[in-house]
Amino acid sequence: MAKPKPSTSIFVVRTTAGQEKNVADLVSARVELKKIPIKSILVPESLKGYIFLEAEGPHYVEEAIAGIKHIRSRVPGKVDLSEVERYIISKPVIEELDVNDIIEIISGPFKGMKAKITRIDSSKNEVTLELLEAAFTLPITVHSDYVKLVEKAKEER
């Protein structure tokens, strides 16, 4: 039995970089005011300069974005849901980290300091670090949500 085809499609709209949330708010207000059948608006944090609109056809998207400041254009064609999924489903930070990666601590008493990962404990969601800016090496263990990847470890050959 064939899968039922979705009645809506996903369309991409180019915006001024950094203005994605403002554009989404303006489009949302217009959609509510004019009762345009736009099902959803997605503003991915990791993709600058683009928003996604779910609608039954491109003419609804054109009506929703017409004349709004900071909108560059509608990208021709539709986008497959599988291409959008990577912006919807977020991976835990710990999955992207490896031993010897350089990270920045984004929370806690060591906030703003850079460190090198010496050990990863996936079961506890913790990483053990060596601070790079410290006078002596002192291993500290922090939750993986408190770190941001700065540089991947160079592979040794």
C-alpha atoms as a PDB file:
ATOM      1  CA  MET A   1       0.000   0.000   0.000  1.00  0.00           C
ATOM      2  CA  ALA A   2       1.438   3.396  -0.993  1.00  0.00           C
ATOM      3  CA  LYS A   3       2.066   6.092   1.588  1.00  0.00           C
ATOM      4  CA  PRO A   4      -0.476   8.905   1.385  1.00  0.00           C
ATOM      5  CA  LYS A   5       1.122  11.998  -0.121  1.00  0.00           C
ATOM      6  CA  PRO A   6       1.165  14.949   2.296  1.00  0.00           C
ATOM      7  CA  SER A   7      -1.184  17.745   1.291  1.00  0.00           C
ATOM      8  CA  THR A   8       1.386  20.385   2.224  1.00  0.00           C
ATOM      9  CA  SER A   9       4.888  21.151   1.004  1.00  0.00           C
ATOM     10  CA  ILE A  10       7.830  22.932   2.577  1.00  0.00           C
ATOM     11  CA  PHE A  11       9.132  26.091   0.920  1.00  0.00           C
ATOM     12  CA  VAL A  12      12.331  28.016   1.633  1.00  0.00           C
ATOM     13  CA  VAL A  13      12.473  31.805   2.003  1.00  0.00           C
ATOM     14  CA  ARG A  14      15.776  33.715   1.956  1.00  0.00           C
ATOM     15  CA  THR A  15      16.102  36.506   4.506  1.00  0.00           C
ATOM     16  CA  THR A  16      18.698  38.987   5.663  1.00  0.00           C
ATOM     17  CA  ALA A  17      21.115  37.084   7.918  1.00  0.00           C
ATOM     18  CA  GLY A  18      20.291  37.735  11.569  1.00  0.00           C
ATOM     19  CA  GLN A  19      16.715  38.814  10.822  1.00  0.00           C
ATOM     20  CA  GLU A  20      15.165  35.337  10.582  1.00  0.00           C
ATOM     21  CA  LYS A  21      13.160  35.577  13.833  1.00  0.00           C
ATOM     22  CA  ASN A  22      11.863  39.084  12.999  1.00  0.00           C
ATOM     23  CA  VAL A  23      10.789  37.939   9.529  1.00  0.00           C
ATOM     24  CA  ALA A  24       9.069  34.862  11.009  1.00  0.00           C
ATOM     25  CA  ASP A  25       7.177  37.090  13.472  1.00  0.00           C
ATOM     26  CA  LEU A  26       6.044  39.432  10.687  1.00  0.00           C
ATOM     27  CA  VAL A  27       4.989  36.522   8.440  1.00  0.00           C
ATOM     28  CA  SER A  28       3.161  34.906  11.369  1.00  0.00           C
ATOM     29  CA  ALA A  29       1.256  38.129  12.096  1.00  0.00           C
ATOM     30  CA  ARG A  30       0.237  38.459   8.428  1.00  0.00           C
ATOM     31  CA  VAL A  31      -0.826  34.784   8.272  1.00  0.00           C
ATOM     32  CA  GLU A  32      -3.104  35.254  11.303  1.00  0.00           C
ATOM     33  CA  LEU A  33      -4.472  38.601  10.095  1.00  0.00           C
ATOM     34  CA  LYS A  34      -5.283  37.507   6.532  1.00  0.00           C
ATOM     35  CA  LYS A  35      -6.085  33.864   7.409  1.00  0.00           C
ATOM     36  CA  ILE A  36      -3.468  32.562   4.925  1.00  0.00           C
ATOM     37  CA  PRO A  37      -3.247  28.744   5.146  1.00  0.00           C
ATOM     38  CA  ILE A  38       0.402  28.504   6.236  1.00  0.00           C
ATOM     39  CA  LYS A  39       0.672  25.450   8.516  1.00  0.00           C
ATOM     40  CA  SER A  40       4.067  26.154  10.141  1.00  0.00           C
ATOM     41  CA  ILE A  41       7.107  28.428  10.152  1.00  0.00           C
ATOM     42  CA  LEU A  42      10.550  27.051  11.039  1.00  0.00           C
ATOM     43  CA  VAL A  43      13.532  29.250  11.943  1.00  0.00           C
ATOM     44  CA  PRO A  44      16.572  26.956  12.286  1.00  0.00           C
ATOM     45  CA  GLU A  45      19.249  28.428  14.569  1.00  0.00           C
ATOM     46  CA  SER A  46      22.068  26.703  12.716  1.00  0.00           C
ATOM     47  CA  LEU A  47      21.065  28.034   9.269  1.00  0.00           C
ATOM     48  CA  LYS A  48      21.482  31.796   8.884  1.00  0.00           C
ATOM     49  CA  GLY A  49      19.509  33.683   6.259  1.00  0.00           C
ATOM     50  CA  TYR A  50      16.715  31.157   5.685  1.00  0.00           C
ATOM     51  CA  ILE A  51      13.312  30.228   7.090  1.00  0.00           C
ATOM     52  CA  PHE A  52      11.004  27.359   6.102  1.00  0.00           C
ATOM     53  CA  LEU A  53       7.253  27.712   5.530  1.00  0.00           C
ATOM     54  CA  GLU A  54       4.837  24.799   5.254  1.00  0.00           C
ATOM     55  CA  ALA A  55       1.897  25.472   2.963  1.00  0.00           C
ATOM     56  CA  GLU A  56      -0.340  23.781   0.389  1.00  0.00           C
ATOM     57  CA  GLY A  57       1.146  25.779  -2.491  1.00  0.00           C
ATOM     58  CA  PRO A  58       3.757  28.399  -3.378  1.00  0.00           C
ATOM     59  CA  HIS A  59       1.112  31.066  -4.021  1.00  0.00           C
ATOM     60  CA  TYR A  60       0.215  31.043  -0.294  1.00  0.00           C
ATOM     61  CA  VAL A  61       3.884  31.551   0.607  1.00  0.00           C
ATOM     62  CA  GLU A  62       4.159  34.429  -1.900  1.00  0.00           C
ATOM     63  CA  GLU A  63       1.059  36.055  -0.380  1.00  0.00           C
ATOM     64  CA  ALA A  64       2.456  35.672   3.138  1.00  0.00           C
ATOM     65  CA  ILE A  65       5.896  37.167   2.355  1.00  0.00           C
ATOM     66  CA  ALA A  66       4.980  39.897  -0.150  1.00  0.00           C
ATOM     67  CA  GLY A  67       6.447  43.273   0.819  1.00  0.00           C
ATOM     68  CA  ILE A  68       7.898  42.199   4.173  1.00  0.00           C
ATOM     69  CA  LYS A  69      11.171  43.892   5.062  1.00  0.00           C
ATOM     70  CA  HIS A  70      14.325  41.696   5.210  1.00  0.00           C
ATOM     71  CA  ILE A  71      12.897  39.061   2.846  1.00  0.00           C
ATOM     72  CA  ARG A  72      15.252  38.493  -0.096  1.00  0.00           C
ATOM     73  CA  SER A  73      13.307  35.910  -2.136  1.00  0.00           C
ATOM     74  CA  ARG A  74      11.501  32.589  -2.147  1.00  0.00           C
ATOM     75  CA  VAL A  75      13.778  29.775  -3.239  1.00  0.00           C
ATOM     76  CA  PRO A  76      12.165  28.093  -6.280  1.00  0.00           C
ATOM     77  CA  GLY A  77      10.749  24.618  -5.764  1.00  0.00           C
ATOM     78  CA  LYS A  78       9.927  22.586  -2.693  1.00  0.00           C
ATOM     79  CA  VAL A  79      12.172  21.103  -0.028  1.00  0.00           C
ATOM     80  CA  ASP A  80      11.949  17.457   0.980  1.00  0.00           C
ATOM     81  CA  LEU A  81      11.080  16.831   4.634  1.00  0.00           C
ATOM     82  CA  SER A  82      14.254  14.744   5.070  1.00  0.00           C
ATOM     83  CA  GLU A  83      16.348  17.865   4.328  1.00  0.00           C
ATOM     84  CA  VAL A  84      14.514  19.849   7.008  1.00  0.00           C
ATOM     85  CA  GLU A  85      14.658  17.092   9.665  1.00  0.00           C
ATOM     86  CA  ARG A  86      18.308  17.821  10.519  1.00  0.00           C
ATOM     87  CA  TYR A  87      17.247  21.298  11.713  1.00  0.00           C
ATOM     88  CA  ILE A  88      14.345  19.941  13.764  1.00  0.00           C
ATOM     89  CA  ILE A  89      16.012  16.963  15.474  1.00  0.00           C
ATOM     90  CA  SER A  90      18.842  18.155  17.679  1.00  0.00           C
ATOM     91  CA  LYS A  91      21.649  15.808  18.628  1.00  0.00           C
ATOM     92  CA  PRO A  92      23.030  15.911  22.156  1.00  0.00           C
ATOM     93  CA  VAL A  93      26.276  17.917  22.312  1.00  0.00           C
ATOM     94  CA  ILE A  94      28.188  14.921  23.680  1.00  0.00           C
ATOM     95  CA  GLU A  95      27.701  12.976  20.407  1.00  0.00           C
ATOM     96  CA  GLU A  96      29.766  15.562  18.515  1.00  0.00           C
ATOM     97  CA  LEU A  97      32.667  15.588  20.987  1.00  0.00           C
ATOM     98  CA  ASP A  98      35.856  13.505  20.906  1.00  0.00           C
ATOM     99  CA  VAL A  99      38.937  13.249  23.119  1.00  0.00           C
ATOM    100  CA  ASN A 100      41.485  16.033  22.356  1.00  0.00           C
ATOM    101  CA  ASP A 101      38.824  18.357  20.885  1.00  0.00           C
ATOM    102  CA  ILE A 102      39.174  22.001  21.898  1.00  0.00           C
ATOM    103  CA  ILE A 103      36.025  23.389  23.523  1.00  0.00           C
ATOM    104  CA  GLU A 104      34.859  26.577  25.209  1.00  0.00           C
ATOM    105  CA  ILE A 105      33.075  26.414  28.546  1.00  0.00           C
ATOM    106  CA  ILE A 106      29.801  28.337  28.203  1.00  0.00           C
ATOM    107  CA  SER A 107      28.495  28.161  31.768  1.00  0.00           C
ATOM    108  CA  GLY A 108      29.676  27.871  35.355  1.00  0.00           C
ATOM    109  CA  PRO A 109      32.733  29.281  37.152  1.00  0.00           C
ATOM    110  CA  PHE A 110      35.068  28.561  34.211  1.00  0.00           C
ATOM    111  CA  LYS A 111      32.794  30.295  31.658  1.00  0.00           C
ATOM    112  CA  GLY A 112      34.672  31.678  28.658  1.00  0.00           C
ATOM    113  CA  MET A 113      37.762  29.502  29.154  1.00  0.00           C
ATOM    114  CA  LYS A 114      39.033  27.148  26.485  1.00  0.00           C
ATOM    115  CA  ALA A 115      39.924  23.566  27.366  1.00  0.00           C
ATOM    116  CA  LYS A 116      40.969  20.249  25.836  1.00  0.00           C
ATOM    117  CA  ILE A 117      38.827  17.148  26.374  1.00  0.00           C
ATOM    118  CA  THR A 118      40.716  14.332  28.105  1.00  0.00           C
ATOM    119  CA  ARG A 119      37.809  11.947  28.796  1.00  0.00           C
ATOM    120  CA  ILE A 120      34.142  11.563  27.857  1.00  0.00           C
ATOM    121  CA  ASP A 121      31.584   9.800  30.064  1.00  0.00           C
ATOM    122  CA  SER A 122      28.525   9.332  27.844  1.00  0.00           C
ATOM    123  CA  SER A 123      26.509   7.534  30.525  1.00  0.00           C
ATOM    124  CA  LYS A 124      26.688  10.573  32.853  1.00  0.00           C
ATOM    125  CA  ASN A 125      26.758  13.147  30.011  1.00  0.00           C
ATOM    126  CA  GLU A 126      30.005  14.557  31.425  1.00  0.00           C
ATOM    127  CA  VAL A 127      33.370  15.523  29.958  1.00  0.00           C
ATOM    128  CA  THR A 128      36.691  15.787  31.763  1.00  0.00           C
ATOM    129  CA  LEU A 129      38.774  18.750  30.629  1.00  0.00           C
ATOM    130  CA  GLU A 130      42.216  20.297  30.962  1.00  0.00           C
ATOM    131  CA  LEU A 131      42.031  24.080  30.987  1.00  0.00           C
ATOM    132  CA  LEU A 132      44.353  25.573  28.372  1.00  0.00           C
ATOM    133  CA  GLU A 133      44.580  28.988  30.036  1.00  0.00           C
ATOM    134  CA  ALA A 134      45.425  27.723  33.521  1.00  0.00           C
ATOM    135  CA  ALA A 135      48.930  28.038  35.024  1.00  0.00           C
ATOM    136  CA  PHE A 136      48.949  24.317  35.870  1.00  0.00           C
ATOM    137  CA  THR A 137      46.934  21.379  34.526  1.00  0.00           C
ATOM    138  CA  LEU A 138      43.969  20.653  36.715  1.00  0.00           C
ATOM    139  CA  PRO A 139      41.418  18.176  35.369  1.00  0.00           C
ATOM    140  CA  ILE A 140      37.833  19.342  35.824  1.00  0.00           C
ATOM    141  CA  THR A 141      34.625  17.491  35.011  1.00  0.00           C
ATOM    142  CA  VAL A 142      31.596  19.398  33.686  1.00  0.00           C
ATOM    143  CA  HIS A 143      28.230  18.506  32.169  1.00  0.00           C
ATOM    144  CA  SER A 144      28.364  18.271  28.363  1.00  0.00           C
ATOM    145  CA  ASP A 145      25.679  20.987  28.033  1.00  0.00           C
ATOM    146  CA  TYR A 146      28.202  23.475  29.481  1.00  0.00           C
ATOM    147  CA  VAL A 147      30.658  23.140  26.582  1.00  0.00           C
ATOM    148  CA  LYS A 148      30.723  24.347  22.996  1.00  0.00           C
ATOM    149  CA  LEU A 149      32.951  22.790  20.360  1.00  0.00           C
ATOM    150  CA  VAL A 150      35.579  25.203  19.072  1.00  0.00           C
ATOM    151  CA  GLU A 151      37.941  22.969  17.120  1.00  0.00           C
ATOM    152  CA  LYS A 152      38.003  19.265  16.269  1.00  0.00           C
ATOM    153  CA  ALA A 153      41.116  17.302  17.238  1.00  0.00           C
ATOM    154  CA  LYS A 154      43.717  16.939  14.494  1.00  0.00           C
ATOM    155  CA  GLU A 155      43.950  13.315  13.386  1.00  0.00           C
ATOM    156  CA  GLU A 156      47.369  11.802  14.034  1.00  0.00           C
ATOM    157  CA  ARG A 157      48.772   9.625  11.262  1.00  0.00           C
END
